[in-house]
Amino acid sequence: NCFNNRKTNEYALCAIKSIFQYLVPSFEDGLNKHYRLELLEASYNAGVAISNNYVGYVHAIAHGIGGMYHLQHGMINAIILPIVLEEYGSAVVSKLAKIADVVGITGTTDQDKSKQFIQKLKDLNQIFSIPTSIPEIQEEDIHYLAIGAEKEGNPTYPTPVTWDVEQFEKVIRKIKHGYTI
């Protein structure tokens, strides 16, 4: 995003690398203090990056859904992150490919690495029994949620693409129905 700089990118990439390295082992061995300390540091690094880079449409959408249906913000973010990244499309391919490189995902093209990274997010969600959809979303609420997300996200959030209300509605419908692993 437009608020990125070399230092905040380093914090973000360091956090992502540690999360991919230690999240599952920490879940499987919750008493391992080394894993937990690594995740604590990753959380700090992610917080520094987010505080300086700001957030994007994942949060804009999650705020409305959480507020309307009283669902956990973190859970909503996990569910919708892969969907929003897919919808960003070609605008994020090179950045996701770089992240894929950092976490050890290999591929022949940036497009391939980007898709594999998004799939890895879906796989992590499955490991942690995070749903692939939010069926609580009611069709009659989608337009209202889209208006709220659009007002929150534009122009405040530095996103790779700018969505209008109709695009938010499309994405929220995908979130309602979910994805397949």
Protein backbone atom coordinates (compact mmCIF):
# COMPACT_ATOMS: atom_id res chain seq x y z
CA ASN A 1 0.00 0.00 0.00
CA CYS A 2 1.02 3.63 -0.24
CA PHE A 3 2.11 3.76 3.42
CA ASN A 4 4.66 0.96 2.98
CA ASN A 5 8.29 1.62 3.53
CA ARG A 6 11.31 -0.62 3.74
CA LYS A 7 11.20 -0.88 7.52
CA THR A 8 7.49 -1.70 7.84
CA ASN A 9 7.82 -4.26 5.05
CA GLU A 10 10.63 -5.89 7.04
CA TYR A 11 8.41 -6.05 10.13
CA ALA A 12 5.53 -7.51 8.12
CA LEU A 13 7.64 -10.12 6.33
CA CYS A 14 9.38 -11.12 9.56
CA ALA A 15 6.00 -11.56 11.25
CA ILE A 16 4.58 -13.59 8.37
CA LYS A 17 7.64 -15.84 8.23
CA SER A 18 7.45 -16.56 11.97
CA ILE A 19 3.71 -17.14 11.88
CA PHE A 20 4.06 -19.67 9.09
CA GLN A 21 6.95 -21.34 10.90
CA TYR A 22 5.57 -21.46 14.45
CA LEU A 23 1.76 -21.21 14.43
CA VAL A 24 0.95 -24.85 13.72
CA PRO A 25 3.73 -26.25 15.97
CA SER A 26 2.56 -23.95 18.77
CA PHE A 27 -1.01 -25.17 18.30
CA GLU A 28 0.15 -28.78 18.40
CA ASP A 29 2.46 -28.24 21.40
CA GLY A 30 0.97 -25.39 23.38
CA LEU A 31 3.44 -25.84 26.23
CA ASN A 32 6.48 -25.17 24.05
CA LYS A 33 7.65 -21.77 25.28
CA HIS A 34 10.02 -21.26 22.35
CA TYR A 35 7.17 -21.49 19.83
CA ARG A 36 4.99 -19.23 21.93
CA LEU A 37 7.72 -16.62 22.32
CA GLU A 38 8.33 -16.66 18.57
CA LEU A 39 4.61 -16.01 18.02
CA LEU A 40 4.65 -13.27 20.63
CA GLU A 41 7.44 -11.55 18.74
CA ALA A 42 5.61 -12.15 15.44
CA SER A 43 2.52 -10.54 16.93
CA TYR A 44 4.56 -7.50 17.94
CA ASN A 45 6.14 -7.24 14.48
CA ALA A 46 2.75 -7.57 12.81
CA GLY A 47 1.38 -4.88 15.10
CA VAL A 48 4.19 -2.49 14.18
CA ALA A 49 3.57 -3.13 10.48
CA ILE A 50 -0.21 -2.71 10.74
CA SER A 51 0.05 0.39 12.93
CA ASN A 52 2.25 2.07 10.35
CA ASN A 53 0.85 0.60 7.12
CA TYR A 54 -2.80 0.64 8.14
CA VAL A 55 -5.33 -2.05 7.23
CA GLY A 56 -7.38 -2.84 4.13
CA TYR A 57 -10.70 -4.13 2.92
CA VAL A 58 -10.51 -7.30 5.02
CA HIS A 59 -10.95 -5.15 8.11
CA ALA A 60 -13.53 -2.87 6.51
CA ILE A 61 -15.71 -5.86 5.70
CA ALA A 62 -15.02 -7.64 9.01
CA HIS A 63 -16.06 -4.65 11.11
CA GLY A 64 -19.56 -4.58 9.64
CA ILE A 65 -20.08 -8.34 9.75
CA GLY A 66 -18.83 -8.58 13.33
CA GLY A 67 -20.96 -5.68 14.46
CA MET A 68 -24.11 -6.91 12.79
CA TYR A 69 -23.85 -10.59 13.70
CA HIS A 70 -21.75 -10.40 16.89
CA LEU A 71 -18.97 -12.60 15.51
CA GLN A 72 -15.32 -12.55 16.56
CA HIS A 73 -13.24 -10.07 14.58
CA GLY A 74 -10.18 -12.33 14.32
CA MET A 75 -12.26 -15.26 13.11
CA ILE A 76 -13.95 -13.12 10.48
CA ASN A 77 -10.59 -11.82 9.28
CA ALA A 78 -9.27 -15.37 8.92
CA ILE A 79 -12.33 -16.47 6.95
CA ILE A 80 -12.36 -13.57 4.53
CA LEU A 81 -8.63 -12.96 4.01
CA PRO A 82 -8.22 -15.57 1.24
CA ILE A 83 -11.41 -14.39 -0.46
CA VAL A 84 -10.36 -10.74 -0.48
CA LEU A 85 -6.84 -11.58 -1.66
CA GLU A 86 -8.31 -13.55 -4.57
CA GLU A 87 -10.57 -10.62 -5.43
CA TYR A 88 -7.65 -8.21 -5.44
CA GLY A 89 -6.44 -10.27 -8.39
CA SER A 90 -3.45 -9.20 -10.43
CA ALA A 91 -2.93 -6.12 -8.25
CA VAL A 92 -1.39 -8.27 -5.50
CA VAL A 93 0.24 -11.12 -7.42
CA SER A 94 3.82 -9.84 -7.17
CA LYS A 95 3.49 -8.95 -3.47
CA LEU A 96 1.96 -12.31 -2.62
CA ALA A 97 4.69 -14.06 -4.63
CA LYS A 98 7.30 -12.26 -2.52
CA ILE A 99 5.54 -13.38 0.65
CA ALA A 100 5.39 -16.92 -0.76
CA ASP A 101 9.16 -16.78 -1.24
CA VAL A 102 9.63 -15.71 2.39
CA VAL A 103 7.54 -18.60 3.74
CA GLY A 104 9.13 -21.20 1.47
CA ILE A 105 6.40 -21.66 -1.12
CA THR A 106 7.89 -22.44 -4.50
CA GLY A 107 6.39 -21.98 -7.92
CA THR A 108 7.39 -21.32 -11.48
CA THR A 109 5.65 -17.95 -11.82
CA ASP A 110 4.51 -15.16 -9.53
CA GLN A 111 0.92 -16.09 -10.37
CA ASP A 112 1.54 -19.69 -9.30
CA LYS A 113 3.22 -18.63 -6.04
CA SER A 114 0.41 -16.17 -5.33
CA LYS A 115 -2.24 -18.87 -5.77
CA GLN A 116 -0.27 -21.30 -3.62
CA PHE A 117 0.05 -18.70 -0.87
CA ILE A 118 -3.70 -18.10 -0.83
CA GLN A 119 -4.25 -21.86 -0.77
CA LYS A 120 -1.87 -22.12 2.18
CA LEU A 121 -4.03 -19.60 4.06
CA LYS A 122 -7.07 -21.78 3.34
CA ASP A 123 -5.15 -24.86 4.50
CA LEU A 124 -4.20 -23.12 7.76
CA ASN A 125 -7.83 -22.19 8.30
CA GLN A 126 -8.74 -25.85 7.87
CA ILE A 127 -6.08 -26.97 10.38
CA PHE A 128 -7.58 -24.61 12.96
CA SER A 129 -11.19 -25.55 12.11
CA ILE A 130 -11.92 -22.05 10.86
CA PRO A 131 -15.03 -22.07 8.67
CA THR A 132 -14.82 -21.33 4.96
CA SER A 133 -17.92 -19.14 4.99
CA ILE A 134 -20.09 -16.93 7.15
CA PRO A 135 -23.61 -18.29 6.59
CA GLU A 136 -25.03 -15.91 9.20
CA ILE A 137 -24.89 -13.14 6.58
CA GLN A 138 -28.41 -12.44 5.38
CA GLU A 139 -29.02 -11.49 1.76
CA GLU A 140 -31.06 -8.47 2.82
CA ASP A 141 -28.08 -7.17 4.84
CA ILE A 142 -25.48 -7.41 2.07
CA HIS A 143 -26.14 -3.99 0.52
CA TYR A 144 -25.99 -2.31 3.95
CA LEU A 145 -22.74 -4.15 4.80
CA ALA A 146 -21.27 -3.16 1.43
CA ILE A 147 -22.12 0.50 1.93
CA GLY A 148 -20.49 0.44 5.36
CA ALA A 149 -17.35 -1.28 4.10
CA GLU A 150 -17.08 1.12 1.16
CA LYS A 151 -17.46 4.16 3.42
CA GLU A 152 -14.90 2.83 5.89
CA GLY A 153 -12.43 1.67 3.28
CA ASN A 154 -12.53 4.48 0.73
CA PRO A 155 -10.44 6.56 0.68
CA THR A 156 -9.12 5.83 4.19
CA TYR A 157 -7.52 2.43 3.65
CA PRO A 158 -4.53 2.11 1.34
CA THR A 159 -5.66 -0.81 -0.81
CA PRO A 160 -4.19 -2.18 -4.04
CA VAL A 161 -7.47 -1.59 -5.88
CA THR A 162 -10.50 0.57 -5.17
CA TRP A 163 -13.85 -1.17 -4.90
CA ASP A 164 -17.28 0.34 -5.30
CA VAL A 165 -20.39 -0.82 -3.41
CA GLU A 166 -21.22 -3.39 -6.10
CA GLN A 167 -17.79 -5.02 -5.78
CA PHE A 168 -18.16 -5.14 -2.00
CA GLU A 169 -21.58 -6.79 -2.45
CA LYS A 170 -20.02 -9.41 -4.74
CA VAL A 171 -17.28 -10.16 -2.22
CA ILE A 172 -19.67 -10.29 0.75
CA ARG A 173 -21.82 -12.82 -1.15
CA LYS A 174 -18.69 -14.92 -1.69
CA ILE A 175 -17.99 -14.67 2.03
CA LYS A 176 -21.54 -15.78 2.82
CA HIS A 177 -21.23 -18.85 0.59
CA GLY A 178 -17.52 -19.49 1.16
CA TYR A 179 -14.90 -21.38 -0.74
CA THR A 180 -13.84 -24.99 -1.15
CA ILE A 181 -10.52 -26.26 0.08
